Amino acid sequence: MTVRAARPTLTQLPSVTISPTLLIPWQKKHYFDPAARWRPFRRRAFVFWGETALFPLVHAFLAGCAADQDADYQYVFDLLGTELAANAIRHSRSGEPGGTFTLRVDRSTEGLTLTCRDHGLPGLHVWDIRDRSYLAPDPNGLRPEAEAGRGLALVDHLATRWGDNGLPTHRHVWFHLAYDLTGSAWTAA
């Protein structure tokens, strides 16, 4: 009879520092450096591991995409983008071991559109094109006493417009943020 040693938990593992060059290909390192010479782009996309420990990279990616905008725009874009990334990790198979999610930013003359593609609901492996389940924000999500539901409520409140593909097996949640923040409650604040 073979006895297996128990696998260490995450808190039992030693702290390790990893160079970003191991995670980011050299061709895309300017995506993560808002101080780099700004390069015009139509579309940028990057696949992230489904680990909250890598959120500094998510912030850097979003900052690099909005680097040519003012501070308010950059703040709102980062807030909404990290919210979609956190939802992908928390509520989809993207947060399971080995999971990933993709952030794609499309630039237009009106603003930036960010799409977060995840790997769908845990336990849901059968796909049927007729299965549609569109996301809706929690109507109480922005109340101070709310314990959950803030994410999509923030997106609904602060994005110019937003939506999703309705497919729970591989969700694509997106928002558009106009450069002048038109349609965003941020301008009313």
N, C-alpha and C. Protein backbone atom coordinates (compact mmCIF):
# COMPACT_ATOMS: atom_id res chain seq x y z
N MET A 1 0.85 -1.18 0.00
CA MET A 1 0.00 0.00 0.00
C MET A 1 0.89 1.24 0.00
N THR A 2 0.62 2.15 -0.92
CA THR A 2 1.39 3.37 -1.04
C THR A 2 0.67 4.50 -0.32
N VAL A 3 1.41 5.22 0.49
CA VAL A 3 0.83 6.36 1.21
C VAL A 3 1.31 7.63 0.52
N ARG A 4 0.37 8.44 0.14
CA ARG A 4 0.72 9.72 -0.50
C ARG A 4 0.82 10.82 0.54
N ALA A 5 1.80 11.65 0.35
CA ALA A 5 1.94 12.80 1.23
C ALA A 5 0.89 13.83 0.84
N ALA A 6 0.37 14.51 1.81
CA ALA A 6 -0.63 15.55 1.55
C ALA A 6 0.02 16.70 0.79
N ARG A 7 -0.70 17.23 -0.20
CA ARG A 7 -0.18 18.37 -0.95
C ARG A 7 -0.24 19.61 -0.07
N PRO A 8 0.78 20.44 -0.13
CA PRO A 8 0.76 21.65 0.70
C PRO A 8 -0.33 22.61 0.21
N THR A 9 -0.89 23.34 1.14
CA THR A 9 -1.87 24.36 0.78
C THR A 9 -1.12 25.58 0.29
N LEU A 10 -1.86 26.48 -0.32
CA LEU A 10 -1.24 27.69 -0.87
C LEU A 10 -0.53 28.51 0.21
N THR A 11 -1.10 28.55 1.42
CA THR A 11 -0.49 29.34 2.49
C THR A 11 0.79 28.68 3.02
N GLN A 12 0.97 27.38 2.77
CA GLN A 12 2.16 26.69 3.24
C GLN A 12 3.33 26.80 2.27
N LEU A 13 3.04 27.23 1.04
CA LEU A 13 4.10 27.33 0.05
C LEU A 13 4.94 28.59 0.29
N PRO A 14 6.21 28.53 -0.08
CA PRO A 14 7.07 29.71 0.12
C PRO A 14 6.70 30.81 -0.87
N SER A 15 7.02 32.03 -0.50
CA SER A 15 6.80 33.18 -1.37
C SER A 15 7.88 33.18 -2.45
N VAL A 16 7.47 33.45 -3.68
CA VAL A 16 8.39 33.43 -4.81
C VAL A 16 8.17 34.68 -5.64
N THR A 17 9.25 35.29 -6.07
CA THR A 17 9.16 36.43 -6.97
C THR A 17 9.49 35.94 -8.37
N ILE A 18 8.60 36.25 -9.31
CA ILE A 18 8.78 35.83 -10.70
C ILE A 18 8.97 37.08 -11.55
N SER A 19 9.94 37.05 -12.40
CA SER A 19 10.18 38.16 -13.31
C SER A 19 9.03 38.25 -14.31
N PRO A 20 8.49 39.45 -14.55
CA PRO A 20 7.42 39.58 -15.54
C PRO A 20 7.84 39.11 -16.93
N THR A 21 9.13 39.08 -17.21
CA THR A 21 9.58 38.62 -18.52
C THR A 21 9.28 37.14 -18.73
N LEU A 22 9.06 36.39 -17.66
CA LEU A 22 8.68 34.99 -17.79
C LEU A 22 7.20 34.85 -18.15
N LEU A 23 6.41 35.87 -17.89
CA LEU A 23 4.98 35.82 -18.14
C LEU A 23 4.54 36.59 -19.37
N ILE A 24 5.36 37.55 -19.78
CA ILE A 24 4.98 38.45 -20.87
C ILE A 24 5.97 38.29 -22.02
N PRO A 25 5.50 37.91 -23.20
CA PRO A 25 6.42 37.82 -24.35
C PRO A 25 7.00 39.20 -24.68
N TRP A 26 8.22 39.24 -25.16
CA TRP A 26 8.88 40.52 -25.42
C TRP A 26 8.10 41.37 -26.41
N GLN A 27 7.36 40.74 -27.35
CA GLN A 27 6.61 41.52 -28.34
C GLN A 27 5.44 42.28 -27.72
N LYS A 28 5.03 41.87 -26.53
CA LYS A 28 3.87 42.49 -25.90
C LYS A 28 4.21 43.24 -24.61
N LYS A 29 5.49 43.39 -24.30
CA LYS A 29 5.82 44.03 -23.02
C LYS A 29 5.38 45.49 -22.97
N HIS A 30 5.26 46.17 -24.11
CA HIS A 30 4.76 47.55 -24.11
C HIS A 30 3.29 47.63 -23.71
N TYR A 31 2.55 46.50 -23.79
CA TYR A 31 1.16 46.47 -23.33
C TYR A 31 1.08 46.80 -21.84
N PHE A 32 2.13 46.49 -21.11
CA PHE A 32 2.12 46.56 -19.65
C PHE A 32 2.91 47.73 -19.09
N ASP A 33 3.34 48.64 -19.93
CA ASP A 33 4.15 49.77 -19.49
C ASP A 33 3.52 51.07 -19.94
N PRO A 34 2.69 51.70 -19.08
CA PRO A 34 2.05 52.94 -19.48
C PRO A 34 3.04 54.09 -19.68
N ALA A 35 4.26 53.95 -19.18
CA ALA A 35 5.27 55.00 -19.35
C ALA A 35 6.03 54.84 -20.66
N ALA A 36 5.85 53.70 -21.34
CA ALA A 36 6.55 53.48 -22.61
C ALA A 36 5.99 54.43 -23.67
N ARG A 37 6.79 54.63 -24.70
CA ARG A 37 6.32 55.47 -25.81
C ARG A 37 5.00 54.90 -26.29
N TRP A 38 3.95 55.76 -26.33
CA TRP A 38 2.62 55.29 -26.67
C TRP A 38 2.57 54.87 -28.13
N ARG A 39 2.00 53.70 -28.36
CA ARG A 39 1.86 53.18 -29.70
C ARG A 39 0.38 53.08 -30.03
N PRO A 40 -0.05 53.72 -31.11
CA PRO A 40 -1.46 53.59 -31.48
C PRO A 40 -1.81 52.13 -31.76
N PHE A 41 -3.01 51.74 -31.42
CA PHE A 41 -3.43 50.37 -31.67
C PHE A 41 -4.92 50.34 -31.97
N ARG A 42 -5.33 49.32 -32.66
CA ARG A 42 -6.75 49.08 -32.91
C ARG A 42 -7.28 48.04 -31.94
N ARG A 43 -6.45 47.02 -31.66
CA ARG A 43 -6.86 45.95 -30.75
C ARG A 43 -5.64 45.40 -30.02
N ARG A 44 -5.82 45.14 -28.73
CA ARG A 44 -4.82 44.46 -27.91
C ARG A 44 -5.54 43.37 -27.14
N ALA A 45 -4.90 42.23 -27.03
CA ALA A 45 -5.48 41.13 -26.25
C ALA A 45 -4.36 40.40 -25.54
N PHE A 46 -4.69 39.87 -24.36
CA PHE A 46 -3.72 39.10 -23.60
C PHE A 46 -4.46 38.04 -22.79
N VAL A 47 -3.88 36.86 -22.73
CA VAL A 47 -4.45 35.75 -21.95
C VAL A 47 -3.77 35.75 -20.58
N PHE A 48 -4.57 35.84 -19.53
CA PHE A 48 -4.07 35.85 -18.16
C PHE A 48 -4.40 34.53 -17.47
N TRP A 49 -3.53 34.09 -16.60
CA TRP A 49 -3.86 32.95 -15.75
C TRP A 49 -4.94 33.38 -14.77
N GLY A 50 -5.79 32.47 -14.40
CA GLY A 50 -6.88 32.78 -13.49
C GLY A 50 -6.45 32.83 -12.04
N GLU A 51 -5.49 33.67 -11.74
CA GLU A 51 -4.93 33.82 -10.38
C GLU A 51 -5.03 35.27 -9.95
N THR A 52 -5.60 35.52 -8.79
CA THR A 52 -5.69 36.90 -8.30
C THR A 52 -4.31 37.46 -7.99
N ALA A 53 -3.33 36.61 -7.75
CA ALA A 53 -1.97 37.08 -7.47
C ALA A 53 -1.38 37.81 -8.67
N LEU A 54 -1.93 37.60 -9.86
CA LEU A 54 -1.43 38.25 -11.06
C LEU A 54 -2.18 39.53 -11.40
N PHE A 55 -2.99 40.03 -10.48
CA PHE A 55 -3.74 41.25 -10.75
C PHE A 55 -2.87 42.48 -11.00
N PRO A 56 -1.67 42.57 -10.45
CA PRO A 56 -0.82 43.70 -10.86
C PRO A 56 -0.59 43.72 -12.38
N LEU A 57 -0.53 42.57 -13.02
CA LEU A 57 -0.39 42.53 -14.48
C LEU A 57 -1.68 43.01 -15.16
N VAL A 58 -2.82 42.66 -14.60
CA VAL A 58 -4.10 43.13 -15.16
C VAL A 58 -4.14 44.65 -15.08
N HIS A 59 -3.80 45.21 -13.92
CA HIS A 59 -3.77 46.67 -13.78
C HIS A 59 -2.81 47.31 -14.78
N ALA A 60 -1.63 46.71 -14.94
CA ALA A 60 -0.64 47.27 -15.86
C ALA A 60 -1.13 47.20 -17.30
N PHE A 61 -1.78 46.12 -17.68
CA PHE A 61 -2.33 45.99 -19.03
C PHE A 61 -3.38 47.07 -19.28
N LEU A 62 -4.30 47.24 -18.35
CA LEU A 62 -5.35 48.25 -18.51
C LEU A 62 -4.77 49.66 -18.54
N ALA A 63 -3.76 49.91 -17.70
CA ALA A 63 -3.12 51.23 -17.70
C ALA A 63 -2.40 51.49 -19.02
N GLY A 64 -1.77 50.48 -19.58
CA GLY A 64 -1.10 50.64 -20.86
C GLY A 64 -2.08 50.92 -21.99
N CYS A 65 -3.25 50.32 -21.93
CA CYS A 65 -4.26 50.53 -22.98
C CYS A 65 -4.87 51.93 -22.92
N ALA A 66 -5.00 52.48 -21.73
CA ALA A 66 -5.63 53.80 -21.56
C ALA A 66 -4.61 54.89 -21.27
N ALA A 67 -3.35 54.65 -21.55
CA ALA A 67 -2.27 55.57 -21.17
C ALA A 67 -2.42 56.97 -21.75
N ASP A 68 -3.06 57.11 -22.89
CA ASP A 68 -3.17 58.43 -23.53
C ASP A 68 -4.40 59.21 -23.07
N GLN A 69 -5.12 58.70 -22.10
CA GLN A 69 -6.33 59.36 -21.61
C GLN A 69 -6.06 60.07 -20.28
N ASP A 70 -7.03 60.89 -19.84
CA ASP A 70 -6.85 61.62 -18.58
C ASP A 70 -7.01 60.69 -17.38
N ALA A 71 -6.68 61.19 -16.21
CA ALA A 71 -6.65 60.38 -14.99
C ALA A 71 -8.02 59.80 -14.64
N ASP A 72 -9.10 60.57 -14.80
CA ASP A 72 -10.43 60.05 -14.51
C ASP A 72 -10.77 58.87 -15.40
N TYR A 73 -10.49 59.01 -16.68
CA TYR A 73 -10.78 57.94 -17.63
C TYR A 73 -9.97 56.69 -17.26
N GLN A 74 -8.70 56.87 -17.00
CA GLN A 74 -7.85 55.73 -16.65
C GLN A 74 -8.37 55.02 -15.40
N TYR A 75 -8.81 55.80 -14.40
CA TYR A 75 -9.31 55.21 -13.16
C TYR A 75 -10.56 54.37 -13.42
N VAL A 76 -11.53 54.93 -14.14
CA VAL A 76 -12.78 54.21 -14.39
C VAL A 76 -12.53 52.98 -15.26
N PHE A 77 -11.68 53.12 -16.28
CA PHE A 77 -11.36 52.00 -17.15
C PHE A 77 -10.72 50.87 -16.35
N ASP A 78 -9.78 51.19 -15.47
CA ASP A 78 -9.13 50.19 -14.64
C ASP A 78 -10.12 49.55 -13.67
N LEU A 79 -10.96 50.35 -13.04
CA LEU A 79 -11.94 49.84 -12.09
C LEU A 79 -12.86 48.82 -12.76
N LEU A 80 -13.41 49.18 -13.90
CA LEU A 80 -14.35 48.29 -14.58
C LEU A 80 -13.64 47.07 -15.17
N GLY A 81 -12.45 47.26 -15.70
CA GLY A 81 -11.70 46.14 -16.27
C GLY A 81 -11.30 45.11 -15.22
N THR A 82 -10.82 45.57 -14.08
CA THR A 82 -10.44 44.62 -13.02
C THR A 82 -11.68 43.96 -12.43
N GLU A 83 -12.80 44.63 -12.46
CA GLU A 83 -14.04 44.02 -11.98
C GLU A 83 -14.43 42.84 -12.86
N LEU A 84 -14.34 43.01 -14.18
CA LEU A 84 -14.66 41.90 -15.08
C LEU A 84 -13.66 40.75 -14.91
N ALA A 85 -12.38 41.08 -14.73
CA ALA A 85 -11.37 40.05 -14.52
C ALA A 85 -11.63 39.29 -13.21
N ALA A 86 -11.96 40.01 -12.15
CA ALA A 86 -12.25 39.37 -10.87
C ALA A 86 -13.48 38.47 -10.98
N ASN A 87 -14.50 38.91 -11.71
CA ASN A 87 -15.69 38.08 -11.90
C ASN A 87 -15.35 36.80 -12.68
N ALA A 88 -14.47 36.90 -13.68
CA ALA A 88 -14.07 35.72 -14.44
C ALA A 88 -13.40 34.70 -13.52
N ILE A 89 -12.56 35.16 -12.62
CA ILE A 89 -11.87 34.25 -11.71
C ILE A 89 -12.83 33.69 -10.66
N ARG A 90 -13.69 34.53 -10.12
CA ARG A 90 -14.56 34.14 -9.03
C ARG A 90 -15.74 33.28 -9.49
N HIS A 91 -16.28 33.56 -10.68
CA HIS A 91 -17.55 32.94 -11.05
C HIS A 91 -17.47 32.01 -12.26
N SER A 92 -16.27 31.68 -12.74
CA SER A 92 -16.18 30.80 -13.90
C SER A 92 -15.06 29.78 -13.72
N ARG A 93 -14.98 28.87 -14.68
CA ARG A 93 -13.90 27.88 -14.65
C ARG A 93 -12.53 28.51 -14.86
N SER A 94 -12.50 29.77 -15.24
CA SER A 94 -11.21 30.47 -15.39
C SER A 94 -10.45 30.53 -14.08
N GLY A 95 -11.14 30.50 -12.95
CA GLY A 95 -10.50 30.55 -11.65
C GLY A 95 -10.07 29.20 -11.12
N GLU A 96 -10.37 28.14 -11.84
CA GLU A 96 -9.95 26.80 -11.42
C GLU A 96 -8.48 26.58 -11.77
N PRO A 97 -7.82 25.61 -11.17
CA PRO A 97 -6.40 25.37 -11.48
C PRO A 97 -6.18 25.21 -12.98
N GLY A 98 -5.22 25.95 -13.50
CA GLY A 98 -4.92 25.92 -14.93
C GLY A 98 -5.82 26.79 -15.78
N GLY A 99 -6.78 27.46 -15.17
CA GLY A 99 -7.73 28.29 -15.91
C GLY A 99 -7.12 29.59 -16.38
N THR A 100 -7.70 30.14 -17.43
CA THR A 100 -7.26 31.42 -17.97
C THR A 100 -8.48 32.25 -18.35
N PHE A 101 -8.24 33.53 -18.57
CA PHE A 101 -9.24 34.42 -19.13
C PHE A 101 -8.51 35.39 -20.04
N THR A 102 -9.22 35.96 -20.98
CA THR A 102 -8.62 36.87 -21.95
C THR A 102 -9.23 38.24 -21.81
N LEU A 103 -8.39 39.25 -21.78
CA LEU A 103 -8.86 40.64 -21.87
C LEU A 103 -8.48 41.15 -23.25
N ARG A 104 -9.47 41.70 -23.94
CA ARG A 104 -9.24 42.29 -25.26
C ARG A 104 -9.76 43.72 -25.25
N VAL A 105 -8.94 44.64 -25.69
CA VAL A 105 -9.32 46.05 -25.76
C VAL A 105 -9.36 46.47 -27.22
N ASP A 106 -10.51 47.00 -27.64
CA ASP A 106 -10.68 47.53 -28.98
C ASP A 106 -10.78 49.04 -28.89
N ARG A 107 -9.98 49.73 -29.69
CA ARG A 107 -9.96 51.20 -29.71
C ARG A 107 -10.77 51.67 -30.90
N SER A 108 -11.63 52.66 -30.67
CA SER A 108 -12.36 53.30 -31.76
C SER A 108 -12.20 54.81 -31.60
N THR A 109 -12.79 55.56 -32.49
CA THR A 109 -12.71 57.02 -32.38
C THR A 109 -13.53 57.54 -31.22
N GLU A 110 -14.50 56.75 -30.72
CA GLU A 110 -15.36 57.18 -29.62
C GLU A 110 -14.86 56.78 -28.25
N GLY A 111 -14.13 55.66 -28.16
CA GLY A 111 -13.69 55.19 -26.84
C GLY A 111 -13.07 53.81 -26.91
N LEU A 112 -12.88 53.21 -25.75
CA LEU A 112 -12.31 51.87 -25.64
C LEU A 112 -13.40 50.88 -25.25
N THR A 113 -13.35 49.70 -25.85
CA THR A 113 -14.25 48.61 -25.50
C THR A 113 -13.39 47.47 -24.96
N LEU A 114 -13.69 47.02 -23.75
CA LEU A 114 -12.96 45.91 -23.16
C LEU A 114 -13.88 44.70 -23.12
N THR A 115 -13.38 43.56 -23.58
CA THR A 115 -14.11 42.30 -23.52
C THR A 115 -13.31 41.33 -22.67
N CYS A 116 -13.99 40.71 -21.71
CA CYS A 116 -13.38 39.68 -20.87
C CYS A 116 -14.01 38.35 -21.27
N ARG A 117 -13.18 37.44 -21.76
CA ARG A 117 -13.65 36.12 -22.18
C ARG A 117 -13.20 35.11 -21.13
N ASP A 118 -14.18 34.40 -20.55
CA ASP A 118 -13.83 33.38 -19.55
C ASP A 118 -14.24 32.00 -20.06
N HIS A 119 -14.07 31.00 -19.20
CA HIS A 119 -14.33 29.61 -19.59
C HIS A 119 -15.67 29.09 -19.08
N GLY A 120 -16.58 29.97 -18.74
CA GLY A 120 -17.94 29.55 -18.41
C GLY A 120 -18.14 29.07 -16.99
N LEU A 121 -19.39 28.77 -16.72
CA LEU A 121 -19.79 28.37 -15.38
C LEU A 121 -19.18 27.04 -14.98
N PRO A 122 -18.72 26.93 -13.72
CA PRO A 122 -18.20 25.65 -13.25
C PRO A 122 -19.29 24.58 -13.32
N GLY A 123 -18.91 23.38 -13.73
CA GLY A 123 -19.85 22.27 -13.79
C GLY A 123 -20.72 22.25 -15.04
N LEU A 124 -20.64 23.26 -15.88
CA LEU A 124 -21.46 23.34 -17.08
C LEU A 124 -20.56 23.04 -18.29
N HIS A 125 -20.66 21.83 -18.82
CA HIS A 125 -19.77 21.42 -19.90
C HIS A 125 -20.50 21.17 -21.22
N VAL A 126 -21.82 21.07 -21.18
CA VAL A 126 -22.58 20.81 -22.39
C VAL A 126 -23.01 22.13 -22.98
N TRP A 127 -22.80 22.27 -24.28
CA TRP A 127 -23.12 23.53 -24.94
C TRP A 127 -24.29 23.35 -25.88
N ASP A 128 -25.24 24.23 -25.78
CA ASP A 128 -26.39 24.26 -26.68
C ASP A 128 -26.62 25.72 -27.05
N ILE A 129 -26.60 26.01 -28.34
CA ILE A 129 -26.72 27.39 -28.81
C ILE A 129 -27.99 28.07 -28.30
N ARG A 130 -29.00 27.27 -27.97
CA ARG A 130 -30.26 27.85 -27.48
C ARG A 130 -30.19 28.26 -26.01
N ASP A 131 -29.15 27.78 -25.32
CA ASP A 131 -28.99 28.14 -23.91
C ASP A 131 -28.45 29.55 -23.81
N ARG A 132 -29.30 30.47 -23.47
CA ARG A 132 -28.90 31.87 -23.33
C ARG A 132 -29.24 32.33 -21.92
N SER A 133 -28.30 32.98 -21.31
CA SER A 133 -28.49 33.49 -19.96
C SER A 133 -27.72 34.80 -19.85
N TYR A 134 -28.41 35.90 -20.11
CA TYR A 134 -27.75 37.20 -20.08
C TYR A 134 -27.60 37.68 -18.65
N LEU A 135 -26.52 38.38 -18.41
CA LEU A 135 -26.23 38.89 -17.08
C LEU A 135 -27.07 40.13 -16.79
N ALA A 136 -27.39 40.31 -15.54
CA ALA A 136 -28.11 41.51 -15.10
C ALA A 136 -27.48 41.97 -13.80
N PRO A 137 -27.33 43.29 -13.64
CA PRO A 137 -26.74 43.78 -12.39
C PRO A 137 -27.73 43.62 -11.24
N ASP A 138 -27.18 43.47 -10.05
CA ASP A 138 -28.00 43.42 -8.84
C ASP A 138 -28.54 44.82 -8.60
N PRO A 139 -29.87 45.00 -8.53
CA PRO A 139 -30.42 46.34 -8.32
C PRO A 139 -30.00 46.97 -6.99
N ASN A 140 -29.58 46.15 -6.03
CA ASN A 140 -29.13 46.66 -4.73
C ASN A 140 -27.62 46.66 -4.60
N GLY A 141 -26.90 46.39 -5.69
CA GLY A 141 -25.45 46.22 -5.65
C GLY A 141 -24.67 47.45 -5.22
N LEU A 142 -25.20 48.64 -5.43
CA LEU A 142 -24.47 49.85 -5.07
C LEU A 142 -24.82 50.40 -3.70
N ARG A 143 -25.69 49.74 -3.00
CA ARG A 143 -26.02 50.18 -1.63
C ARG A 143 -24.84 49.89 -0.71
N PRO A 144 -24.56 50.79 0.22
CA PRO A 144 -23.40 50.60 1.12
C PRO A 144 -23.45 49.30 1.92
N GLU A 145 -24.63 48.83 2.25
CA GLU A 145 -24.75 47.62 3.07
C GLU A 145 -24.70 46.33 2.23
N ALA A 146 -24.64 46.44 0.92
CA ALA A 146 -24.60 45.26 0.05
C ALA A 146 -23.32 44.47 0.29
N GLU A 147 -23.47 43.16 0.44
CA GLU A 147 -22.32 42.30 0.67
C GLU A 147 -21.81 41.67 -0.62
N ALA A 148 -22.61 41.70 -1.67
CA ALA A 148 -22.22 41.12 -2.96
C ALA A 148 -23.00 41.84 -4.06
N GLY A 149 -22.61 41.57 -5.29
CA GLY A 149 -23.35 42.13 -6.41
C GLY A 149 -22.90 43.51 -6.85
N ARG A 150 -21.78 43.97 -6.31
CA ARG A 150 -21.31 45.32 -6.66
C ARG A 150 -20.71 45.39 -8.06
N GLY A 151 -20.08 44.31 -8.52
CA GLY A 151 -19.32 44.32 -9.75
C GLY A 151 -20.11 44.75 -10.97
N LEU A 152 -21.14 44.00 -11.32
CA LEU A 152 -21.93 44.36 -12.50
C LEU A 152 -22.72 45.63 -12.27
N ALA A 153 -23.07 45.92 -11.03
CA ALA A 153 -23.78 47.18 -10.74
C ALA A 153 -22.85 48.36 -11.06
N LEU A 154 -21.57 48.24 -10.72
CA LEU A 154 -20.60 49.29 -11.06
C LEU A 154 -20.45 49.42 -12.58
N VAL A 155 -20.33 48.29 -13.25
CA VAL A 155 -20.20 48.31 -14.71
C VAL A 155 -21.43 48.97 -15.33
N ASP A 156 -22.61 48.58 -14.87
CA ASP A 156 -23.86 49.14 -15.39
C ASP A 156 -23.93 50.65 -15.14
N HIS A 157 -23.43 51.08 -14.01
CA HIS A 157 -23.52 52.48 -13.61
C HIS A 157 -22.46 53.37 -14.27
N LEU A 158 -21.25 52.83 -14.43
CA LEU A 158 -20.14 53.67 -14.88
C LEU A 158 -19.74 53.51 -16.35
N ALA A 159 -20.12 52.41 -16.98
CA ALA A 159 -19.78 52.23 -18.39
C ALA A 159 -20.76 53.00 -19.27
N THR A 160 -20.30 53.38 -20.45
CA THR A 160 -21.18 54.03 -21.42
C THR A 160 -22.26 53.04 -21.85
N ARG A 161 -21.84 51.80 -22.14
CA ARG A 161 -22.77 50.70 -22.40
C ARG A 161 -22.02 49.40 -22.13
N TRP A 162 -22.77 48.31 -21.94
CA TRP A 162 -22.15 47.03 -21.65
C TRP A 162 -23.10 45.91 -22.02
N GLY A 163 -22.58 44.69 -22.04
CA GLY A 163 -23.41 43.52 -22.32
C GLY A 163 -22.58 42.25 -22.25
N ASP A 164 -23.21 41.15 -22.68
CA ASP A 164 -22.50 39.88 -22.73
C ASP A 164 -23.11 39.03 -23.84
N ASN A 165 -22.45 37.93 -24.17
CA ASN A 165 -22.91 37.08 -25.26
C ASN A 165 -24.02 36.12 -24.85
N GLY A 166 -24.32 36.03 -23.56
CA GLY A 166 -25.41 35.18 -23.09
C GLY A 166 -25.10 33.70 -23.04
N LEU A 167 -23.88 33.31 -23.34
CA LEU A 167 -23.53 31.89 -23.34
C LEU A 167 -22.81 31.53 -22.04
N PRO A 168 -23.46 30.81 -21.15
CA PRO A 168 -22.84 30.50 -19.86
C PRO A 168 -21.66 29.54 -19.95
N THR A 169 -21.48 28.88 -21.10
CA THR A 169 -20.36 27.94 -21.24
C THR A 169 -19.05 28.63 -21.62
N HIS A 170 -19.13 29.81 -22.19
CA HIS A 170 -17.93 30.59 -22.53
C HIS A 170 -18.37 32.05 -22.66
N ARG A 171 -18.43 32.69 -21.53
CA ARG A 171 -18.99 34.04 -21.43
C ARG A 171 -18.02 35.09 -21.97
N HIS A 172 -18.57 36.04 -22.71
CA HIS A 172 -17.84 37.21 -23.16
C HIS A 172 -18.59 38.43 -22.61
N VAL A 173 -18.05 39.05 -21.57
CA VAL A 173 -18.67 40.23 -20.98
C VAL A 173 -17.86 41.43 -21.46
N TRP A 174 -18.54 42.48 -21.91
CA TRP A 174 -17.84 43.63 -22.47
C TRP A 174 -18.44 44.93 -21.93
N PHE A 175 -17.64 45.97 -21.98
CA PHE A 175 -18.16 47.32 -21.73
C PHE A 175 -17.45 48.28 -22.67
N HIS A 176 -18.14 49.35 -22.99
CA HIS A 176 -17.56 50.44 -23.78
C HIS A 176 -17.53 51.67 -22.89
N LEU A 177 -16.42 52.37 -22.92
CA LEU A 177 -16.27 53.60 -22.15
C LEU A 177 -15.87 54.71 -23.12
N ALA A 178 -16.78 55.67 -23.31
CA ALA A 178 -16.51 56.78 -24.21
C ALA A 178 -15.38 57.64 -23.64
N TYR A 179 -14.54 58.19 -24.52
CA TYR A 179 -13.41 59.01 -24.08
C TYR A 179 -13.85 60.19 -23.22
N ASP A 180 -15.01 60.77 -23.54
CA ASP A 180 -15.49 61.90 -22.74
C ASP A 180 -16.39 61.46 -21.59
N LEU A 181 -16.45 60.14 -21.35
CA LEU A 181 -17.25 59.52 -20.28
C LEU A 181 -18.75 59.79 -20.43
N THR A 182 -19.19 60.08 -21.64
CA THR A 182 -20.62 60.24 -21.91
C THR A 182 -21.35 58.97 -21.56
N GLY A 183 -22.47 59.10 -20.89
CA GLY A 183 -23.26 57.95 -20.49
C GLY A 183 -22.80 57.32 -19.21
N SER A 184 -21.73 57.79 -18.64
CA SER A 184 -21.21 57.25 -17.38
C SER A 184 -21.65 58.10 -16.22
N ALA A 185 -22.04 57.48 -15.13
CA ALA A 185 -22.41 58.23 -13.93
C ALA A 185 -21.19 58.90 -13.31
N TRP A 186 -19.99 58.56 -13.76
CA TRP A 186 -18.77 59.16 -13.21
C TRP A 186 -18.78 60.67 -13.43
N THR A 187 -19.29 61.13 -14.57
CA THR A 187 -19.30 62.56 -14.86
C THR A 187 -20.27 63.32 -13.96
N ALA A 188 -21.24 62.63 -13.40
CA ALA A 188 -22.21 63.28 -12.50
C ALA A 188 -21.68 63.37 -11.08
N ALA A 189 -20.63 62.62 -10.78
CA ALA A 189 -20.10 62.58 -9.42
C ALA A 189 -19.32 63.85 -9.07
